[in-house]
Amino acid sequence: MSLSIGIVGLPNVGKSTLFNALTKKSVLVANYPFATIDPSVGVVPVPDERLYKLSEFSKTQKIVPAVVEFVDIAGLVKGASAGEGLGNQFLTNIRETDAIAEVVRIFEDDNIIHVDGKVNPLSDIEVINLELILADLQTVSKRIVNVGKEVRAGKKEAIIESGLLEKLKPALENGKLASSVAVDEFELPFLKSLHLLTSKPFMYVLNKKSGGKNLDELKDARWDALLAFLNSSKASWVVVDAGIEQELKDFEGTDKKEMREGLGAKDDGIDNLIKKGYELLNLITYFTTGEKETRAWTIGRGWTAPMAGTAIHGDFKDKFIRAEVIEWDKLIESGSFGAAREKGLLRTEGKEYIVKDGEVMEFKI
């Protein structure tokens, strides 16, 4: 299951620096707009201590983590929806992703040019979101015209779609994201077919700089306004020091922790970002474990056991008979699969079972 998160933002906010830290690979980073021309794609392992505890339990030869795909997309400028800068390319690239991570600067540094000449993260968010909204408004307006003939002909599907479009248009005209519009089960397929930018799940990445003038430390009016927006919109967000994380990208474990503390950073912002991104995509993990391999499998929240089996192989859905299931920590506490079975902790589940995050599974087909 491959899902991607597009990293977007204005020029010079730290998108490519963040991407380098995320993926441990180099892309062009420069202090001027459009340094990133083509989107770079990186597959990032999801930090999960459960996976490593299970591998120790099974004395595993091979560990395979869950992954999330991040896409570094060219910087957006005001007017992108009208083709300014690399507008059309930017919008096409982000349309192909499943979620959006907006990077905004919350640090001041005279040596790093801000495209608007001043640092105001809420203003940056408003510029980016407005461009995405305007692009969606164009899509919706064109579709209203195109579906009109079918509506006049009385086609049922066209009438449902038209109703959706007539709800979306005023919301977008009022500067609201498409995701704010309530959609019923009949309208949902039509919403998906529109591929609207603002119907995607959003998260905000607040990029700070160690030793710099950071708004979360200054706690001035700009920070208060940003927090008010994030809280009122119930947004997913994380604070990251992209510069430090890029410096630490080649370190692991205790060395990485000590280096981070030495550079003045407390939290592992990258790990937090990856985990938040995984949640943003509404994904969960189940595990398989044994001597040869311990693996984290990615599925959608709410999937049944047969659907979950397709993460391993497509045939598992049709050939599914049953699954043996146990919570990862209960398996470790039991000491072995045999002991867990004797205690009644290893359950047999059927086709209607909804898989939960962190379960260890074995499929019978």
Protein backbone atom coordinates (compact mmCIF):
# COMPACT_ATOMS: atom_id res chain seq x y z
CA MET A 1 0.00 0.00 0.00
CA SER A 2 1.79 3.12 -1.23
CA LEU A 3 0.49 6.54 -0.20
CA SER A 4 2.33 9.84 -0.56
CA ILE A 5 2.54 13.16 1.25
CA GLY A 6 3.47 16.25 -0.75
CA ILE A 7 5.80 18.71 1.02
CA VAL A 8 4.70 22.18 -0.06
CA GLY A 9 5.34 25.77 0.94
CA LEU A 10 6.62 29.14 -0.20
CA PRO A 11 10.23 29.37 -1.42
CA ASN A 12 12.98 29.38 1.24
CA VAL A 13 10.96 27.96 4.12
CA GLY A 14 13.06 24.77 4.42
CA LYS A 15 11.13 22.22 2.31
CA SER A 16 14.15 20.66 0.65
CA THR A 17 16.20 20.76 3.86
CA LEU A 18 13.36 18.90 5.56
CA PHE A 19 13.16 16.43 2.68
CA ASN A 20 16.90 15.73 2.94
CA ALA A 21 16.54 15.03 6.65
CA LEU A 22 13.56 12.79 6.04
CA THR A 23 15.02 10.69 3.29
CA LYS A 24 18.76 10.76 4.00
CA LYS A 25 19.36 11.68 0.37
CA SER A 26 20.45 14.91 -1.25
CA VAL A 27 18.32 17.13 -3.46
CA LEU A 28 19.20 20.63 -4.62
CA VAL A 29 18.90 23.18 -1.80
CA ALA A 30 19.51 26.83 -2.60
CA ASN A 31 18.57 30.20 -1.18
CA TYR A 32 16.40 31.32 -4.09
CA PRO A 33 12.94 30.49 -5.50
CA PHE A 34 12.47 27.41 -7.67
CA ALA A 35 15.69 25.64 -6.59
CA THR A 36 13.56 22.50 -6.66
CA ILE A 37 12.26 22.10 -10.21
CA ASP A 38 11.21 18.47 -10.42
CA PRO A 39 9.60 16.74 -7.46
CA SER A 40 11.90 14.37 -5.63
CA VAL A 41 10.39 11.30 -4.05
CA GLY A 42 11.64 9.55 -0.93
CA VAL A 43 10.37 6.42 0.79
CA VAL A 44 10.69 6.90 4.55
CA PRO A 45 10.52 4.16 7.22
CA VAL A 46 7.95 4.73 9.97
CA PRO A 47 9.59 4.75 13.45
CA ASP A 48 7.95 1.98 15.50
CA GLU A 49 9.52 0.51 18.62
CA ARG A 50 6.99 -2.35 18.55
CA LEU A 51 8.62 -3.71 15.39
CA TYR A 52 12.06 -3.92 17.02
CA LYS A 53 10.73 -5.45 20.25
CA LEU A 54 9.01 -8.15 18.19
CA SER A 55 12.21 -8.77 16.22
CA GLU A 56 14.10 -9.29 19.51
CA PHE A 57 11.34 -11.62 20.69
CA SER A 58 11.58 -13.74 17.51
CA LYS A 59 15.38 -13.39 17.13
CA THR A 60 14.63 -12.24 13.60
CA GLN A 61 17.15 -12.28 10.76
CA LYS A 62 15.42 -9.48 8.83
CA ILE A 63 13.33 -6.43 9.83
CA VAL A 64 11.01 -4.66 7.36
CA PRO A 65 9.37 -1.43 8.62
CA ALA A 66 6.24 0.29 7.34
CA VAL A 67 6.96 3.21 5.02
CA VAL A 68 5.50 6.54 3.93
CA GLU A 69 6.33 8.28 0.67
CA PHE A 70 7.24 11.99 0.80
CA VAL A 71 7.38 14.17 -2.32
CA ASP A 72 9.41 17.40 -2.38
CA ILE A 73 7.50 19.85 -4.59
CA ALA A 74 8.68 23.16 -6.10
CA GLY A 75 8.01 26.29 -4.05
CA LEU A 76 4.68 28.00 -4.59
CA VAL A 77 4.28 31.73 -5.11
CA LYS A 78 1.25 34.02 -4.99
CA GLY A 79 -0.60 33.65 -8.30
CA ALA A 80 0.28 29.98 -8.82
CA SER A 81 -3.37 29.16 -9.60
CA ALA A 82 -3.13 31.63 -12.48
CA GLY A 83 0.14 30.11 -13.72
CA GLU A 84 2.59 32.41 -11.90
CA GLY A 85 6.04 30.99 -11.15
CA LEU A 86 5.88 27.23 -11.61
CA GLY A 87 2.18 27.29 -10.75
CA ASN A 88 0.77 24.74 -13.18
CA GLN A 89 3.58 22.25 -12.51
CA PHE A 90 3.24 22.75 -8.77
CA LEU A 91 -0.49 22.10 -8.84
CA THR A 92 -0.13 19.03 -11.05
CA ASN A 93 2.53 17.52 -8.77
CA ILE A 94 0.53 18.03 -5.59
CA ARG A 95 -2.66 16.73 -7.20
CA GLU A 96 -0.92 13.35 -7.52
CA THR A 97 -0.25 13.07 -3.77
CA ASP A 98 -2.63 11.73 -1.11
CA ALA A 99 -2.02 14.34 1.58
CA ILE A 100 -0.33 17.72 2.02
CA ALA A 101 2.36 18.79 4.49
CA GLU A 102 2.64 22.58 4.44
CA VAL A 103 6.00 23.86 5.66
CA VAL A 104 6.06 27.36 7.14
CA ARG A 105 8.93 29.28 8.73
CA ILE A 106 8.66 30.22 12.39
CA PHE A 107 12.20 31.60 12.62
CA GLU A 108 13.77 34.92 11.67
CA ASP A 109 17.15 34.97 9.90
CA ASP A 110 18.40 37.94 7.89
CA ASN A 111 20.65 35.62 5.87
CA ILE A 112 17.74 33.57 4.52
CA ILE A 113 15.47 35.56 2.26
CA HIS A 114 11.73 35.30 2.81
CA VAL A 115 9.82 35.68 -0.43
CA ASP A 116 7.55 38.34 1.15
CA GLY A 117 10.37 40.09 2.99
CA LYS A 118 8.95 39.22 6.41
CA VAL A 119 8.25 36.12 8.51
CA ASN A 120 4.56 35.56 9.24
CA PRO A 121 3.57 31.86 9.23
CA LEU A 122 -0.19 32.44 9.26
CA SER A 123 0.14 34.74 6.25
CA ASP A 124 2.18 32.04 4.47
CA ILE A 125 -0.55 29.48 5.16
CA GLU A 126 -3.22 31.85 3.87
CA VAL A 127 -1.28 32.44 0.63
CA ILE A 128 -0.75 28.71 0.01
CA ASN A 129 -4.29 27.69 0.90
CA LEU A 130 -5.79 30.47 -1.20
CA GLU A 131 -3.87 29.31 -4.28
CA LEU A 132 -5.07 25.74 -3.73
CA ILE A 133 -8.64 26.96 -3.18
CA LEU A 134 -8.56 29.08 -6.37
CA ALA A 135 -7.29 26.10 -8.36
CA ASP A 136 -10.13 23.97 -6.97
CA LEU A 137 -12.65 26.69 -7.76
CA GLN A 138 -11.55 26.57 -11.39
CA THR A 139 -12.00 22.78 -11.43
CA VAL A 140 -15.46 22.96 -9.85
CA SER A 141 -16.66 25.82 -12.08
CA LYS A 142 -15.63 23.97 -15.24
CA ARG A 143 -17.28 20.78 -14.04
CA ILE A 144 -20.56 22.61 -13.32
CA VAL A 145 -20.68 23.73 -16.95
CA ASN A 146 -19.77 20.28 -18.30
CA VAL A 147 -22.31 18.38 -16.21
CA GLY A 148 -25.12 20.81 -17.01
CA LYS A 149 -26.37 18.99 -20.12
CA GLU A 150 -26.59 15.67 -18.27
CA VAL A 151 -28.53 17.34 -15.45
CA ARG A 152 -31.03 18.81 -17.91
CA ALA A 153 -31.40 15.33 -19.42
CA GLY A 154 -32.44 14.07 -15.99
CA LYS A 155 -29.51 11.68 -15.44
CA LYS A 156 -29.51 10.55 -11.81
CA GLU A 157 -25.72 10.49 -11.34
CA ALA A 158 -25.35 13.94 -12.89
CA ILE A 159 -27.97 15.35 -10.52
CA ILE A 160 -26.10 13.96 -7.50
CA GLU A 161 -22.80 15.37 -8.77
CA SER A 162 -24.39 18.72 -9.54
CA GLY A 163 -25.71 18.93 -5.98
CA LEU A 164 -22.20 18.34 -4.68
CA LEU A 165 -20.69 20.95 -6.99
CA GLU A 166 -23.27 23.53 -5.92
CA LYS A 167 -22.20 22.97 -2.29
CA LEU A 168 -18.49 23.13 -3.09
CA LYS A 169 -18.53 26.31 -5.17
CA PRO A 170 -19.80 28.77 -2.52
CA ALA A 171 -17.52 27.23 0.11
CA LEU A 172 -14.47 27.73 -2.12
CA GLU A 173 -15.61 31.24 -3.07
CA ASN A 174 -15.68 32.05 0.65
CA GLY A 175 -12.10 30.85 1.07
CA LYS A 176 -12.91 27.52 2.70
CA LEU A 177 -11.21 24.20 1.95
CA ALA A 178 -13.23 21.56 0.08
CA SER A 179 -12.68 19.26 3.06
CA SER A 180 -14.91 21.57 5.13
CA VAL A 181 -17.96 20.66 3.02
CA ALA A 182 -20.17 17.87 4.39
CA VAL A 183 -20.48 15.07 1.80
CA ASP A 184 -22.82 12.08 1.92
CA GLU A 185 -22.08 8.53 0.79
CA PHE A 186 -23.63 9.11 -2.64
CA GLU A 187 -21.59 12.26 -3.29
CA LEU A 188 -18.28 10.85 -2.05
CA PRO A 189 -17.35 8.99 -5.29
CA PHE A 190 -17.90 12.19 -7.27
CA LEU A 191 -15.78 14.20 -4.83
CA LYS A 192 -12.93 11.70 -5.26
CA SER A 193 -13.21 11.89 -9.05
CA LEU A 194 -12.69 15.68 -8.94
CA HIS A 195 -9.20 15.26 -7.37
CA LEU A 196 -9.54 18.55 -5.54
CA LEU A 197 -6.40 19.81 -3.82
CA THR A 198 -8.18 21.06 -0.71
CA SER A 199 -10.15 17.86 -0.18
CA LYS A 200 -6.88 16.15 0.77
CA PRO A 201 -5.89 15.83 4.44
CA PHE A 202 -3.57 18.66 5.59
CA MET A 203 -0.84 18.92 8.20
CA TYR A 204 1.36 21.90 9.01
CA VAL A 205 5.11 21.64 9.60
CA LEU A 206 6.42 24.57 11.64
CA ASN A 207 10.11 24.92 10.81
CA LYS A 208 12.27 26.53 13.51
CA LYS A 209 16.02 27.14 13.75
CA SER A 210 18.20 26.32 16.72
CA GLY A 211 19.81 29.49 18.06
CA GLY A 212 17.57 31.68 15.93
CA LYS A 213 14.66 33.96 16.79
CA ASN A 214 11.88 31.36 16.89
CA LEU A 215 8.29 32.49 17.21
CA ASP A 216 7.36 29.57 19.49
CA GLU A 217 9.97 30.88 21.93
CA LEU A 218 9.28 34.59 21.43
CA LYS A 219 5.53 33.86 21.77
CA ASP A 220 4.63 37.13 20.05
CA ALA A 221 1.40 38.06 18.25
CA ARG A 222 2.38 36.09 15.16
CA TRP A 223 2.71 32.88 17.20
CA ASP A 224 -0.57 33.53 19.01
CA ALA A 225 -2.37 34.05 15.70
CA LEU A 226 -0.87 30.87 14.25
CA LEU A 227 -1.89 28.79 17.28
CA ALA A 228 -5.40 30.25 17.20
CA PHE A 229 -5.73 29.17 13.55
CA LEU A 230 -4.36 25.67 14.17
CA ASN A 231 -6.63 25.13 17.16
CA SER A 232 -9.78 26.55 15.56
CA SER A 233 -9.29 24.45 12.42
CA LYS A 234 -8.37 21.37 14.50
CA ALA A 235 -5.31 21.02 12.29
CA SER A 236 -2.60 18.40 12.59
CA TRP A 237 0.78 20.07 13.15
CA VAL A 238 4.33 19.43 14.31
CA VAL A 239 7.37 21.60 15.10
CA VAL A 240 10.62 20.59 13.37
CA ASP A 241 14.12 22.05 13.21
CA ALA A 242 14.85 20.98 9.63
CA GLY A 243 18.42 22.32 9.70
CA ILE A 244 19.43 20.27 12.73
CA GLU A 245 17.60 17.19 11.47
CA GLN A 246 19.51 17.41 8.19
CA GLU A 247 22.80 17.57 10.12
CA LEU A 248 21.77 14.51 12.10
CA LYS A 249 20.48 12.45 9.19
CA ASP A 250 23.54 10.15 9.11
CA PHE A 251 23.54 9.44 12.85
CA GLU A 252 21.56 6.73 14.63
CA GLY A 253 20.54 5.75 18.17
CA THR A 254 22.44 7.16 21.15
CA ASP A 255 24.87 9.11 18.95
CA LYS A 256 21.96 10.90 17.30
CA LYS A 257 20.36 11.72 20.65
CA GLU A 258 23.60 13.12 22.08
CA MET A 259 24.31 15.16 18.95
CA ARG A 260 20.77 16.58 18.98
CA GLU A 261 21.11 17.69 22.60
CA GLY A 262 24.52 19.18 21.82
CA LEU A 263 23.01 21.24 19.02
CA GLY A 264 20.30 22.53 21.32
CA ALA A 265 17.29 20.55 20.06
CA LYS A 266 15.10 18.54 22.43
CA ASP A 267 12.63 16.51 20.37
CA ASP A 268 13.04 14.25 17.36
CA GLY A 269 10.90 16.36 15.07
CA ILE A 270 11.46 14.09 12.07
CA ASP A 271 10.14 10.99 13.84
CA ASN A 272 7.15 13.00 15.05
CA LEU A 273 6.52 14.25 11.51
CA ILE A 274 6.64 10.75 10.00
CA LYS A 275 4.26 9.37 12.63
CA LYS A 276 1.88 12.31 12.16
CA GLY A 277 1.98 11.76 8.40
CA TYR A 278 1.11 8.09 8.85
CA GLU A 279 -1.85 9.07 11.03
CA LEU A 280 -2.85 11.79 8.55
CA LEU A 281 -3.24 9.15 5.84
CA ASN A 282 -5.48 7.17 8.24
CA LEU A 283 -3.11 4.21 8.22
CA ILE A 284 -2.45 1.56 10.86
CA THR A 285 0.08 -1.27 11.19
CA TYR A 286 -0.15 -4.97 11.88
CA PHE A 287 2.83 -7.31 12.20
CA THR A 288 4.03 -10.72 11.16
CA THR A 289 6.99 -12.12 13.06
CA GLY A 290 9.25 -15.16 12.99
CA GLU A 291 12.89 -16.18 12.85
CA LYS A 292 13.30 -15.25 9.18
CA GLU A 293 11.48 -11.92 9.22
CA THR A 294 9.56 -9.43 11.35
CA ARG A 295 7.55 -7.06 9.18
CA ALA A 296 5.20 -4.13 9.67
CA TRP A 297 2.31 -4.17 7.19
CA THR A 298 0.45 -0.97 6.29
CA ILE A 299 -3.34 -1.01 5.91
CA GLY A 300 -6.21 1.46 6.08
CA ARG A 301 -7.99 1.98 9.38
CA GLY A 302 -11.20 -0.07 9.46
CA TRP A 303 -10.04 -2.82 7.10
CA THR A 304 -11.35 -6.34 7.63
CA ALA A 305 -8.99 -9.30 8.05
CA PRO A 306 -9.34 -10.47 4.40
CA MET A 307 -8.60 -6.92 3.18
CA ALA A 308 -5.62 -6.69 5.52
CA GLY A 309 -4.28 -9.90 4.01
CA THR A 310 -4.01 -8.21 0.61
CA ALA A 311 -1.09 -6.19 1.98
CA ILE A 312 0.83 -9.49 1.89
CA HIS A 313 -0.68 -10.85 -1.32
CA GLY A 314 -3.72 -9.97 -3.42
CA ASP A 315 -4.99 -13.57 -3.34
CA PHE A 316 -5.41 -13.48 0.44
CA LYS A 317 -8.76 -11.69 0.20
CA ASP A 318 -10.50 -14.38 -1.88
CA LYS A 319 -8.67 -17.34 -0.31
CA PHE A 320 -9.02 -16.15 3.29
CA ILE A 321 -10.26 -18.78 5.74
CA ARG A 322 -9.32 -17.33 9.13
CA ALA A 323 -6.58 -15.42 10.93
CA GLU A 324 -4.82 -16.01 14.21
CA VAL A 325 -4.53 -12.68 16.05
CA ILE A 326 -2.84 -11.39 19.20
CA GLU A 327 -1.81 -7.97 20.48
CA TRP A 328 1.95 -7.45 20.07
CA ASP A 329 2.63 -6.77 23.75
CA LYS A 330 0.59 -9.77 24.95
CA LEU A 331 2.61 -12.02 22.64
CA ILE A 332 5.89 -10.76 24.10
CA GLU A 333 4.57 -11.09 27.65
CA SER A 334 3.52 -14.70 26.92
CA GLY A 335 7.03 -15.67 25.83
CA SER A 336 5.96 -17.70 22.78
CA PHE A 337 3.06 -18.33 20.41
CA GLY A 338 2.49 -21.68 22.12
CA ALA A 339 2.21 -20.12 25.57
CA ALA A 340 -0.10 -17.42 24.23
CA ARG A 341 -2.33 -20.11 22.71
CA GLU A 342 -2.45 -22.03 26.01
CA LYS A 343 -3.49 -18.83 27.83
CA GLY A 344 -6.24 -18.20 25.31
CA LEU A 345 -4.65 -14.95 24.16
CA LEU A 346 -4.13 -16.08 20.57
CA ARG A 347 -7.56 -15.67 18.98
CA THR A 348 -9.05 -17.04 15.77
CA GLU A 349 -10.92 -14.37 13.79
CA GLY A 350 -13.07 -14.61 10.67
CA LYS A 351 -13.93 -12.57 7.59
CA GLU A 352 -15.81 -9.80 9.41
CA TYR A 353 -13.04 -9.04 11.89
CA ILE A 354 -11.77 -5.43 11.87
CA VAL A 355 -8.00 -5.39 12.30
CA LYS A 356 -6.62 -3.13 15.03
CA ASP A 357 -3.34 -1.26 15.14
CA GLY A 358 -0.45 -3.23 16.66
CA GLU A 359 -1.83 -6.75 16.26
CA VAL A 360 0.32 -9.70 15.23
CA MET A 361 -1.43 -11.83 12.61
CA GLU A 362 -1.04 -15.13 10.83
CA PHE A 363 -3.38 -15.81 7.91
CA LYS A 364 -4.83 -19.20 7.04
CA ILE A 365 -5.76 -19.65 3.39
